[in-house]
C-alpha cells in the first residue's frame, strides 16, 4: 500500500483481493435483503438479516459504531435520502427502501447500496430507480486508467440529463462517493455531477465508491433530530445506488457486484478487469 497525490491510498493487488472478498460479502448481503424486503416487516428486521449474514461470513459490519451509528445497515424510506436508522418502522406496500450496507474484512472495507420498490409503485418511481441505478453504471463505465475522477460524475450526470424528463431529477450534491480501502471513507470525493477532466488521476490500486442519489425534485435536504436521517425538504422521494470498484490493466472490476460487474459492463461495452473466477 502506498499513497499517491493528495494522500490517496493506492492498494497492492493482494489488498485489492481482500477488498473483493469484503465487497462480495456486501453484494451477497444486499441480494439477500433485496429478496427479503416485504410489506409488514420492520427496518430492524432487515438490519438483523444483514448483520447475521455479514458475521456468518467472517466479516464485521463497518457502519455499526461508525461515529456512533447504531446499526449494521442504513434503511432510508421514501423521502429519506440516506443514513436512515433501522428500527420499528413497518415497511408498507408501495414504499421505496434504500439499503446502504458495508463490512470490513481483515482491515479492508466494502460499501454498496440498492433501492428496492416494495410491491406496486408508480411508473414514475420505477423510472426513478432505473435511472439512478443505470447512472451508477454509466459513471463506472466512464472511468479509464489515466482519466480523472470527475469523468465519473460527468458520466453519471450526462446519463441522467439525457433521459426523458431527466431534467426533473435532483442530483444530490451534499452526499457523494468517496475513496475506500483501509478506512470506509477516504479521499477523494467522487461527486455525481460536473465536467470531465478534473481531479485526481485514475490509477491502478485506487478504489472508489460511486453512489448517485436522485430525488423527485429538490436537492435541498435536512438532517432529522436523530442526527443521521437525511430527508428531502420538499418531501419528494429518493433513490440511492452504490458500488465499490477499481481499475486494472484489463478494465473495470466492480468489487461489490456478485459477478464482479462482468454482465453489466459487457452490456455497456466496457472491458471487465477482474479475475476469471469472478
C-alpha atoms as a PDB file:
ATOM      1  CA  UNK A   1       0.000   0.000   0.000  1.00  0.00           C
ATOM      2  CA  UNK A   2       1.212   3.454  -0.837  1.00  0.00           C
ATOM      3  CA  UNK A   3      -0.097   6.990  -1.128  1.00  0.00           C
ATOM      4  CA  UNK A   4      -0.396   8.990  -4.324  1.00  0.00           C
ATOM      5  CA  UNK A   5      -1.101  12.629  -4.992  1.00  0.00           C
ATOM      6  CA  UNK A   6      -3.240  14.243  -2.316  1.00  0.00           C
ATOM      7  CA  UNK A   7      -2.992  11.446   0.216  1.00  0.00           C
ATOM      8  CA  UNK A   8      -4.799   8.894  -1.946  1.00  0.00           C
ATOM      9  CA  UNK A   9      -4.392   5.322  -0.778  1.00  0.00           C
ATOM     10  CA  UNK A  10      -3.083   3.050  -3.537  1.00  0.00           C
ATOM     11  CA  UNK A  11      -3.589  -0.643  -2.859  1.00  0.00           C
ATOM     12  CA  UNK A  12      -1.379  -3.532  -3.806  1.00  0.00           C
ATOM     13  CA  UNK A  13      -3.024  -6.406  -5.735  1.00  0.00           C
ATOM     14  CA  UNK A  14      -3.257  -8.614  -2.661  1.00  0.00           C
ATOM     15  CA  UNK A  15      -5.012  -5.819  -0.766  1.00  0.00           C
ATOM     16  CA  UNK A  16      -7.490  -5.318  -3.593  1.00  0.00           C
ATOM     17  CA  UNK A  17      -8.108  -9.077  -3.468  1.00  0.00           C
ATOM     18  CA  UNK A  18      -9.154  -8.790   0.183  1.00  0.00           C
ATOM     19  CA  UNK A  19     -11.356  -5.821  -0.698  1.00  0.00           C
ATOM     20  CA  UNK A  20     -13.008  -8.041  -3.295  1.00  0.00           C
ATOM     21  CA  UNK A  21     -13.825 -10.569  -0.591  1.00  0.00           C
ATOM     22  CA  UNK A  22     -15.283  -7.808   1.588  1.00  0.00           C
ATOM     23  CA  UNK A  23     -17.180  -6.456  -1.402  1.00  0.00           C
ATOM     24  CA  UNK A  24     -18.528  -9.872  -2.258  1.00  0.00           C
ATOM     25  CA  UNK A  25     -19.932 -10.218   1.261  1.00  0.00           C
ATOM     26  CA  UNK A  26     -21.610  -6.817   0.881  1.00  0.00           C
ATOM     27  CA  UNK A  27     -23.006  -7.803  -2.524  1.00  0.00           C
ATOM     28  CA  UNK A  28     -24.338 -11.088  -1.176  1.00  0.00           C
ATOM     29  CA  UNK A  29     -25.932  -9.315   1.771  1.00  0.00           C
ATOM     30  CA  UNK A  30     -27.708  -6.812  -0.448  1.00  0.00           C
ATOM     31  CA  UNK A  31     -29.050  -9.582  -2.674  1.00  0.00           C
ATOM     32  CA  UNK A  32     -30.400 -11.372   0.398  1.00  0.00           C
ATOM     33  CA  UNK A  33     -32.016  -8.147   1.577  1.00  0.00           C
ATOM     34  CA  UNK A  34     -33.469  -7.438  -1.868  1.00  0.00           C
ATOM     35  CA  UNK A  35     -35.166 -10.811  -1.715  1.00  0.00           C
ATOM     36  CA  UNK A  36     -36.316 -10.305   1.875  1.00  0.00           C
ATOM     37  CA  UNK A  37     -37.952  -6.871   1.739  1.00  0.00           C
ATOM     38  CA  UNK A  38     -41.725  -7.082   2.031  1.00  0.00           C
ATOM     39  CA  UNK A  39     -44.622  -5.120   3.435  1.00  0.00           C
ATOM     40  CA  UNK A  40     -45.224  -5.806   7.112  1.00  0.00           C
ATOM     41  CA  UNK A  41     -41.622  -6.280   8.200  1.00  0.00           C
ATOM     42  CA  UNK A  42     -39.666  -3.604  10.026  1.00  0.00           C
ATOM     43  CA  UNK A  43     -36.445  -1.948   9.008  1.00  0.00           C
ATOM     44  CA  UNK A  44     -34.928  -3.510  12.143  1.00  0.00           C
ATOM     45  CA  UNK A  45     -35.782  -6.930  10.672  1.00  0.00           C
ATOM     46  CA  UNK A  46     -33.652  -6.085   7.639  1.00  0.00           C
ATOM     47  CA  UNK A  47     -30.818  -4.956   9.879  1.00  0.00           C
ATOM     48  CA  UNK A  48     -30.827  -8.282  11.750  1.00  0.00           C
ATOM     49  CA  UNK A  49     -30.699 -10.232   8.486  1.00  0.00           C
ATOM     50  CA  UNK A  50     -27.757  -8.152   7.292  1.00  0.00           C
ATOM     51  CA  UNK A  51     -25.728  -8.464  10.474  1.00  0.00           C
ATOM     52  CA  UNK A  52     -26.297 -12.209  10.637  1.00  0.00           C
ATOM     53  CA  UNK A  53     -25.027 -12.769   7.103  1.00  0.00           C
ATOM     54  CA  UNK A  54     -22.020 -10.462   7.408  1.00  0.00           C
ATOM     55  CA  UNK A  55     -20.864 -12.108  10.624  1.00  0.00           C
ATOM     56  CA  UNK A  56     -21.537 -15.606   9.268  1.00  0.00           C
ATOM     57  CA  UNK A  57     -19.007 -14.854   6.509  1.00  0.00           C
ATOM     58  CA  UNK A  58     -16.300 -13.879   8.991  1.00  0.00           C
ATOM     59  CA  UNK A  59     -16.580 -10.122   8.483  1.00  0.00           C
ATOM     60  CA  UNK A  60     -17.913  -7.322  10.687  1.00  0.00           C
ATOM     61  CA  UNK A  61     -20.391  -4.523   9.948  1.00  0.00           C
ATOM     62  CA  UNK A  62     -18.380  -1.350   9.374  1.00  0.00           C
ATOM     63  CA  UNK A  63     -21.341   1.014   9.799  1.00  0.00           C
ATOM     64  CA  UNK A  64     -22.093  -0.167  13.334  1.00  0.00           C
ATOM     65  CA  UNK A  65     -20.430   2.223  15.758  1.00  0.00           C
ATOM     66  CA  UNK A  66     -19.146   4.489  12.951  1.00  0.00           C
ATOM     67  CA  UNK A  67     -19.307   7.954  14.558  1.00  0.00           C
ATOM     68  CA  UNK A  68     -21.906   6.398  16.838  1.00  0.00           C
ATOM     69  CA  UNK A  69     -24.197   4.950  14.155  1.00  0.00           C
ATOM     70  CA  UNK A  70     -26.188   2.224  15.952  1.00  0.00           C
ATOM     71  CA  UNK A  71     -26.909  -0.319  13.217  1.00  0.00           C
ATOM     72  CA  UNK A  72     -25.426  -2.599  10.551  1.00  0.00           C
ATOM     73  CA  UNK A  73     -27.170  -1.000   7.566  1.00  0.00           C
ATOM     74  CA  UNK A  74     -28.829   2.290   6.696  1.00  0.00           C
ATOM     75  CA  UNK A  75     -32.503   1.982   5.727  1.00  0.00           C
ATOM     76  CA  UNK A  76     -33.906   5.130   4.125  1.00  0.00           C
ATOM     77  CA  UNK A  77     -37.580   5.033   3.147  1.00  0.00           C
ATOM     78  CA  UNK A  78     -39.357   7.225   0.579  1.00  0.00           C
ATOM     79  CA  UNK A  79     -38.350  10.865   1.209  1.00  0.00           C
ATOM     80  CA  UNK A  80     -35.377   9.729   3.305  1.00  0.00           C
ATOM     81  CA  UNK A  81     -32.313  10.072   1.086  1.00  0.00           C
ATOM     82  CA  UNK A  82     -29.592   8.404   3.132  1.00  0.00           C
ATOM     83  CA  UNK A  83     -28.433   7.384   6.628  1.00  0.00           C
ATOM     84  CA  UNK A  84     -31.817   6.219   7.921  1.00  0.00           C
ATOM     85  CA  UNK A  85     -31.543   4.229  11.164  1.00  0.00           C
ATOM     86  CA  UNK A  86     -33.235   0.805  11.205  1.00  0.00           C
ATOM     87  CA  UNK A  87     -35.882   0.467  13.876  1.00  0.00           C
ATOM     88  CA  UNK A  88     -39.576  -0.228  14.454  1.00  0.00           C
ATOM     89  CA  UNK A  89     -40.785   1.427  11.238  1.00  0.00           C
ATOM     90  CA  UNK A  90     -43.039  -1.001   9.371  1.00  0.00           C
ATOM     91  CA  UNK A  91     -42.424  -1.217   5.629  1.00  0.00           C
ATOM     92  CA  UNK A  92     -45.581  -0.649   3.599  1.00  0.00           C
ATOM     93  CA  UNK A  93     -46.771  -1.629   0.141  1.00  0.00           C
ATOM     94  CA  UNK A  94     -45.566   0.974  -2.353  1.00  0.00           C
ATOM     95  CA  UNK A  95     -42.543   2.105  -0.312  1.00  0.00           C
ATOM     96  CA  UNK A  96     -39.099   2.719  -1.772  1.00  0.00           C
ATOM     97  CA  UNK A  97     -36.494   1.342   0.627  1.00  0.00           C
ATOM     98  CA  UNK A  98     -32.861   2.350   0.147  1.00  0.00           C
ATOM     99  CA  UNK A  99     -30.418  -0.025   1.843  1.00  0.00           C
ATOM    100  CA  UNK A 100     -26.790   1.011   2.304  1.00  0.00           C
ATOM    101  CA  UNK A 101     -24.504  -1.782   3.512  1.00  0.00           C
ATOM    102  CA  UNK A 102     -20.845  -2.179   4.357  1.00  0.00           C
ATOM    103  CA  UNK A 103     -18.447  -4.560   6.020  1.00  0.00           C
ATOM    104  CA  UNK A 104     -14.815  -4.826   6.986  1.00  0.00           C
ATOM    105  CA  UNK A 105     -12.715  -7.953   6.478  1.00  0.00           C
ATOM    106  CA  UNK A 106      -9.118  -8.220   7.666  1.00  0.00           C
ATOM    107  CA  UNK A 107      -8.967  -4.430   7.886  1.00  0.00           C
ATOM    108  CA  UNK A 108     -10.340  -3.730   4.378  1.00  0.00           C
ATOM    109  CA  UNK A 109     -13.741  -2.253   3.603  1.00  0.00           C
ATOM    110  CA  UNK A 110     -16.599  -2.757   1.153  1.00  0.00           C
ATOM    111  CA  UNK A 111     -19.583  -0.441   0.634  1.00  0.00           C
ATOM    112  CA  UNK A 112     -22.629  -0.607  -1.659  1.00  0.00           C
ATOM    113  CA  UNK A 113     -26.303   0.338  -1.777  1.00  0.00           C
ATOM    114  CA  UNK A 114     -29.558  -0.523  -3.521  1.00  0.00           C
ATOM    115  CA  UNK A 115     -33.085   0.848  -3.546  1.00  0.00           C
ATOM    116  CA  UNK A 116     -35.967  -1.622  -3.602  1.00  0.00           C
ATOM    117  CA  UNK A 117     -39.567  -0.987  -4.636  1.00  0.00           C
ATOM    118  CA  UNK A 118     -41.959  -2.818  -2.300  1.00  0.00           C
ATOM    119  CA  UNK A 119     -44.875  -4.220  -4.265  1.00  0.00           C
ATOM    120  CA  UNK A 120     -46.664  -1.940  -6.704  1.00  0.00           C
ATOM    121  CA  UNK A 121     -45.240   1.545  -7.158  1.00  0.00           C
ATOM    122  CA  UNK A 122     -45.952   4.192  -9.757  1.00  0.00           C
ATOM    123  CA  UNK A 123     -44.268   4.072 -13.141  1.00  0.00           C
ATOM    124  CA  UNK A 124     -42.524   7.378 -12.422  1.00  0.00           C
ATOM    125  CA  UNK A 125     -40.960   5.973  -9.265  1.00  0.00           C
ATOM    126  CA  UNK A 126     -39.850   2.793 -11.016  1.00  0.00           C
ATOM    127  CA  UNK A 127     -38.223   5.087 -13.559  1.00  0.00           C
ATOM    128  CA  UNK A 128     -36.505   6.984 -10.738  1.00  0.00           C
ATOM    129  CA  UNK A 129     -34.970   3.695  -9.599  1.00  0.00           C
ATOM    130  CA  UNK A 130     -33.973   2.657 -13.114  1.00  0.00           C
ATOM    131  CA  UNK A 131     -32.305   5.965 -13.938  1.00  0.00           C
ATOM    132  CA  UNK A 132     -30.441   6.103 -10.623  1.00  0.00           C
ATOM    133  CA  UNK A 133     -29.073   2.574 -10.940  1.00  0.00           C
ATOM    134  CA  UNK A 134     -28.156   2.977 -14.588  1.00  0.00           C
ATOM    135  CA  UNK A 135     -26.407   6.287 -13.894  1.00  0.00           C
ATOM    136  CA  UNK A 136     -24.191   4.486 -11.382  1.00  0.00           C
ATOM    137  CA  UNK A 137     -23.047   2.071 -14.072  1.00  0.00           C
ATOM    138  CA  UNK A 138     -22.567   4.883 -16.580  1.00  0.00           C
ATOM    139  CA  UNK A 139     -20.273   6.596 -14.092  1.00  0.00           C
ATOM    140  CA  UNK A 140     -18.193   3.446 -13.703  1.00  0.00           C
ATOM    141  CA  UNK A 141     -18.171   2.993 -17.485  1.00  0.00           C
ATOM    142  CA  UNK A 142     -16.695   6.476 -17.879  1.00  0.00           C
ATOM    143  CA  UNK A 143     -13.646   5.607 -15.762  1.00  0.00           C
ATOM    144  CA  UNK A 144     -10.386   4.788 -17.558  1.00  0.00           C
ATOM    145  CA  UNK A 145      -6.797   4.481 -16.357  1.00  0.00           C
ATOM    146  CA  UNK A 146      -5.192   7.875 -16.893  1.00  0.00           C
ATOM    147  CA  UNK A 147      -8.541   9.637 -16.734  1.00  0.00           C
ATOM    148  CA  UNK A 148      -9.721  11.862 -13.907  1.00  0.00           C
ATOM    149  CA  UNK A 149     -12.116  11.364 -11.029  1.00  0.00           C
ATOM    150  CA  UNK A 150     -14.548  13.963 -12.401  1.00  0.00           C
ATOM    151  CA  UNK A 151     -15.023  11.795 -15.506  1.00  0.00           C
ATOM    152  CA  UNK A 152     -17.148   9.531 -13.285  1.00  0.00           C
ATOM    153  CA  UNK A 153     -19.516  12.261 -12.122  1.00  0.00           C
ATOM    154  CA  UNK A 154     -19.779  13.595 -15.656  1.00  0.00           C
ATOM    155  CA  UNK A 155     -20.813  10.112 -16.800  1.00  0.00           C
ATOM    156  CA  UNK A 156     -23.449   9.935 -14.063  1.00  0.00           C
ATOM    157  CA  UNK A 157     -24.910  13.381 -14.728  1.00  0.00           C
ATOM    158  CA  UNK A 158     -24.808  13.143 -18.517  1.00  0.00           C
ATOM    159  CA  UNK A 159     -26.788   9.927 -18.498  1.00  0.00           C
ATOM    160  CA  UNK A 160     -29.432  11.330 -16.138  1.00  0.00           C
ATOM    161  CA  UNK A 161     -29.971  14.534 -18.090  1.00  0.00           C
ATOM    162  CA  UNK A 162     -30.335  12.659 -21.390  1.00  0.00           C
ATOM    163  CA  UNK A 163     -33.269  10.602 -20.118  1.00  0.00           C
ATOM    164  CA  UNK A 164     -36.842  11.631 -20.978  1.00  0.00           C
ATOM    165  CA  UNK A 165     -37.743  14.074 -18.220  1.00  0.00           C
ATOM    166  CA  UNK A 166     -34.225  13.774 -16.840  1.00  0.00           C
ATOM    167  CA  UNK A 167     -34.054  17.473 -16.064  1.00  0.00           C
ATOM    168  CA  UNK A 168     -36.649  16.997 -13.336  1.00  0.00           C
ATOM    169  CA  UNK A 169     -34.422  14.832 -11.135  1.00  0.00           C
ATOM    170  CA  UNK A 170     -32.452  16.367  -8.316  1.00  0.00           C
ATOM    171  CA  UNK A 171     -28.859  15.086  -8.192  1.00  0.00           C
ATOM    172  CA  UNK A 172     -27.958  15.362  -4.511  1.00  0.00           C
ATOM    173  CA  UNK A 173     -24.750  17.357  -4.090  1.00  0.00           C
ATOM    174  CA  UNK A 174     -24.149  17.279  -0.332  1.00  0.00           C
ATOM    175  CA  UNK A 175     -23.566  13.488  -0.254  1.00  0.00           C
ATOM    176  CA  UNK A 176     -21.149  11.995  -2.760  1.00  0.00           C
ATOM    177  CA  UNK A 177     -18.999   8.964  -3.456  1.00  0.00           C
ATOM    178  CA  UNK A 178     -15.568   8.501  -1.943  1.00  0.00           C
ATOM    179  CA  UNK A 179     -12.328   6.636  -1.815  1.00  0.00           C
ATOM    180  CA  UNK A 180     -12.361   3.449   0.237  1.00  0.00           C
ATOM    181  CA  UNK A 181      -9.811   0.943   1.500  1.00  0.00           C
ATOM    182  CA  UNK A 182      -8.263   0.661   4.952  1.00  0.00           C
ATOM    183  CA  UNK A 183     -10.992   3.100   6.050  1.00  0.00           C
ATOM    184  CA  UNK A 184     -14.571   3.331   4.848  1.00  0.00           C
ATOM    185  CA  UNK A 185     -14.385   6.979   3.786  1.00  0.00           C
ATOM    186  CA  UNK A 186     -11.159   8.308   2.304  1.00  0.00           C
ATOM    187  CA  UNK A 187     -10.083  10.865  -0.290  1.00  0.00           C
ATOM    188  CA  UNK A 188     -11.017  11.608  -2.981  1.00  0.00           C
ATOM    189  CA  UNK A 189     -14.619  12.724  -3.035  1.00  0.00           C
ATOM    190  CA  UNK A 190     -16.479  11.414  -6.096  1.00  0.00           C
ATOM    191  CA  UNK A 191     -19.328  13.820  -6.964  1.00  0.00           C
ATOM    192  CA  UNK A 192     -22.173  12.691  -9.220  1.00  0.00           C
ATOM    193  CA  UNK A 193     -22.065  15.781 -11.412  1.00  0.00           C
ATOM    194  CA  UNK A 194     -19.627  18.137 -13.109  1.00  0.00           C
ATOM    195  CA  UNK A 195     -17.402  18.440 -16.134  1.00  0.00           C
ATOM    196  CA  UNK A 196     -14.812  15.801 -17.079  1.00  0.00           C
ATOM    197  CA  UNK A 197     -11.045  16.049 -16.867  1.00  0.00           C
ATOM    198  CA  UNK A 198     -10.664  17.299 -13.308  1.00  0.00           C
ATOM    199  CA  UNK A 199      -9.496  15.896 -10.000  1.00  0.00           C
ATOM    200  CA  UNK A 200      -7.036  13.132  -9.169  1.00  0.00           C
ATOM    201  CA  UNK A 201      -5.839  10.805 -11.882  1.00  0.00           C
ATOM    202  CA  UNK A 202      -7.392   7.340 -12.072  1.00  0.00           C
ATOM    203  CA  UNK A 203      -4.593   4.834 -11.481  1.00  0.00           C
ATOM    204  CA  UNK A 204      -4.253   1.156 -10.672  1.00  0.00           C
ATOM    205  CA  UNK A 205      -4.819   0.454  -6.984  1.00  0.00           C
ATOM    206  CA  UNK A 206      -7.189   3.382  -6.434  1.00  0.00           C
ATOM    207  CA  UNK A 207     -10.536   2.054  -5.190  1.00  0.00           C
ATOM    208  CA  UNK A 208     -13.641   4.232  -5.296  1.00  0.00           C
ATOM    209  CA  UNK A 209     -17.245   4.029  -4.131  1.00  0.00           C
ATOM    210  CA  UNK A 210     -19.651   5.645  -6.595  1.00  0.00           C
ATOM    211  CA  UNK A 211     -23.124   6.421  -5.219  1.00  0.00           C
ATOM    212  CA  UNK A 212     -25.623   8.599  -7.060  1.00  0.00           C
ATOM    213  CA  UNK A 213     -28.639   9.755  -5.067  1.00  0.00           C
ATOM    214  CA  UNK A 214     -31.548  11.169  -7.063  1.00  0.00           C
ATOM    215  CA  UNK A 215     -34.709  12.856  -5.872  1.00  0.00           C
ATOM    216  CA  UNK A 216     -38.036  13.610  -7.482  1.00  0.00           C
ATOM    217  CA  UNK A 217     -37.407  17.321  -7.096  1.00  0.00           C
ATOM    218  CA  UNK A 218     -35.191  19.428  -4.886  1.00  0.00           C
ATOM    219  CA  UNK A 219     -31.608  18.680  -3.954  1.00  0.00           C
ATOM    220  CA  UNK A 220     -32.110  20.526  -0.670  1.00  0.00           C
ATOM    221  CA  UNK A 221     -32.088  18.243   2.361  1.00  0.00           C
ATOM    222  CA  UNK A 222     -32.397  18.377   6.136  1.00  0.00           C
ATOM    223  CA  UNK A 223     -30.971  16.058   8.783  1.00  0.00           C
ATOM    224  CA  UNK A 224     -33.588  14.900  11.289  1.00  0.00           C
ATOM    225  CA  UNK A 225     -33.125  15.269  15.076  1.00  0.00           C
ATOM    226  CA  UNK A 226     -31.643  11.746  15.259  1.00  0.00           C
ATOM    227  CA  UNK A 227     -28.541  13.416  13.713  1.00  0.00           C
ATOM    228  CA  UNK A 228     -28.424  10.818  10.924  1.00  0.00           C
ATOM    229  CA  UNK A 229     -31.507  10.528   8.734  1.00  0.00           C
ATOM    230  CA  UNK A 230     -31.383  12.893   5.737  1.00  0.00           C
ATOM    231  CA  UNK A 231     -34.733  13.850   4.160  1.00  0.00           C
ATOM    232  CA  UNK A 232     -35.687  15.968   1.155  1.00  0.00           C
ATOM    233  CA  UNK A 233     -37.008  19.407   2.010  1.00  0.00           C
ATOM    234  CA  UNK A 234     -39.893  19.116  -0.467  1.00  0.00           C
ATOM    235  CA  UNK A 235     -40.831  15.561   0.640  1.00  0.00           C
ATOM    236  CA  UNK A 236     -40.024  14.206  -2.811  1.00  0.00           C
ATOM    237  CA  UNK A 237     -38.942  10.585  -2.780  1.00  0.00           C
ATOM    238  CA  UNK A 238     -35.362   9.485  -3.415  1.00  0.00           C
ATOM    239  CA  UNK A 239     -33.301   6.580  -4.739  1.00  0.00           C
ATOM    240  CA  UNK A 240     -29.715   5.576  -3.965  1.00  0.00           C
ATOM    241  CA  UNK A 241     -27.426   3.018  -5.605  1.00  0.00           C
ATOM    242  CA  UNK A 242     -23.734   2.404  -4.916  1.00  0.00           C
ATOM    243  CA  UNK A 243     -20.865   0.123  -5.895  1.00  0.00           C
ATOM    244  CA  UNK A 244     -17.197  -0.056  -4.976  1.00  0.00           C
ATOM    245  CA  UNK A 245     -14.898  -0.506  -7.976  1.00  0.00           C
ATOM    246  CA  UNK A 246     -11.321  -0.354  -9.173  1.00  0.00           C
ATOM    247  CA  UNK A 247      -9.469  -0.277 -12.490  1.00  0.00           C
ATOM    248  CA  UNK A 248      -6.913  -2.801 -13.686  1.00  0.00           C
ATOM    249  CA  UNK A 249      -4.907  -3.082 -16.892  1.00  0.00           C
ATOM    250  CA  UNK A 250      -7.775  -5.184 -18.269  1.00  0.00           C
ATOM    251  CA  UNK A 251     -10.671  -2.894 -17.372  1.00  0.00           C
ATOM    252  CA  UNK A 252     -13.130  -2.184 -14.560  1.00  0.00           C
ATOM    253  CA  UNK A 253     -13.687  -4.537 -11.635  1.00  0.00           C
ATOM    254  CA  UNK A 254     -16.785  -3.913  -9.513  1.00  0.00           C
ATOM    255  CA  UNK A 255     -15.785  -5.312  -6.150  1.00  0.00           C
ATOM    256  CA  UNK A 256     -19.278  -5.240  -4.617  1.00  0.00           C
ATOM    257  CA  UNK A 257     -21.097  -6.851  -7.561  1.00  0.00           C
ATOM    258  CA  UNK A 258     -21.512 -10.603  -7.091  1.00  0.00           C
ATOM    259  CA  UNK A 259     -20.266 -11.234 -10.650  1.00  0.00           C
ATOM    260  CA  UNK A 260     -17.637  -8.503 -10.409  1.00  0.00           C
ATOM    261  CA  UNK A 261     -19.714  -6.404 -12.789  1.00  0.00           C
ATOM    262  CA  UNK A 262     -18.978  -8.662 -15.739  1.00  0.00           C
ATOM    263  CA  UNK A 263     -22.519  -8.840 -17.176  1.00  0.00           C
ATOM    264  CA  UNK A 264     -23.404  -5.156 -16.916  1.00  0.00           C
ATOM    265  CA  UNK A 265     -20.008  -3.991 -18.132  1.00  0.00           C
ATOM    266  CA  UNK A 266     -20.359  -6.248 -21.175  1.00  0.00           C
ATOM    267  CA  UNK A 267     -23.791  -4.751 -21.872  1.00  0.00           C
ATOM    268  CA  UNK A 268     -22.181  -1.298 -21.856  1.00  0.00           C
ATOM    269  CA  UNK A 269     -19.214  -2.378 -23.959  1.00  0.00           C
ATOM    270  CA  UNK A 270     -16.748  -1.828 -21.110  1.00  0.00           C
ATOM    271  CA  UNK A 271     -13.875  -4.300 -20.588  1.00  0.00           C
ATOM    272  CA  UNK A 272     -14.087  -6.377 -17.415  1.00  0.00           C
ATOM    273  CA  UNK A 273     -10.946  -6.161 -15.321  1.00  0.00           C
ATOM    274  CA  UNK A 274     -11.391  -8.817 -12.643  1.00  0.00           C
ATOM    275  CA  UNK A 275     -10.138 -12.394 -12.408  1.00  0.00           C
ATOM    276  CA  UNK A 276     -11.741 -15.166 -14.439  1.00  0.00           C
ATOM    277  CA  UNK A 277     -13.475 -16.747 -11.451  1.00  0.00           C
ATOM    278  CA  UNK A 278     -15.472 -13.651 -10.503  1.00  0.00           C
END
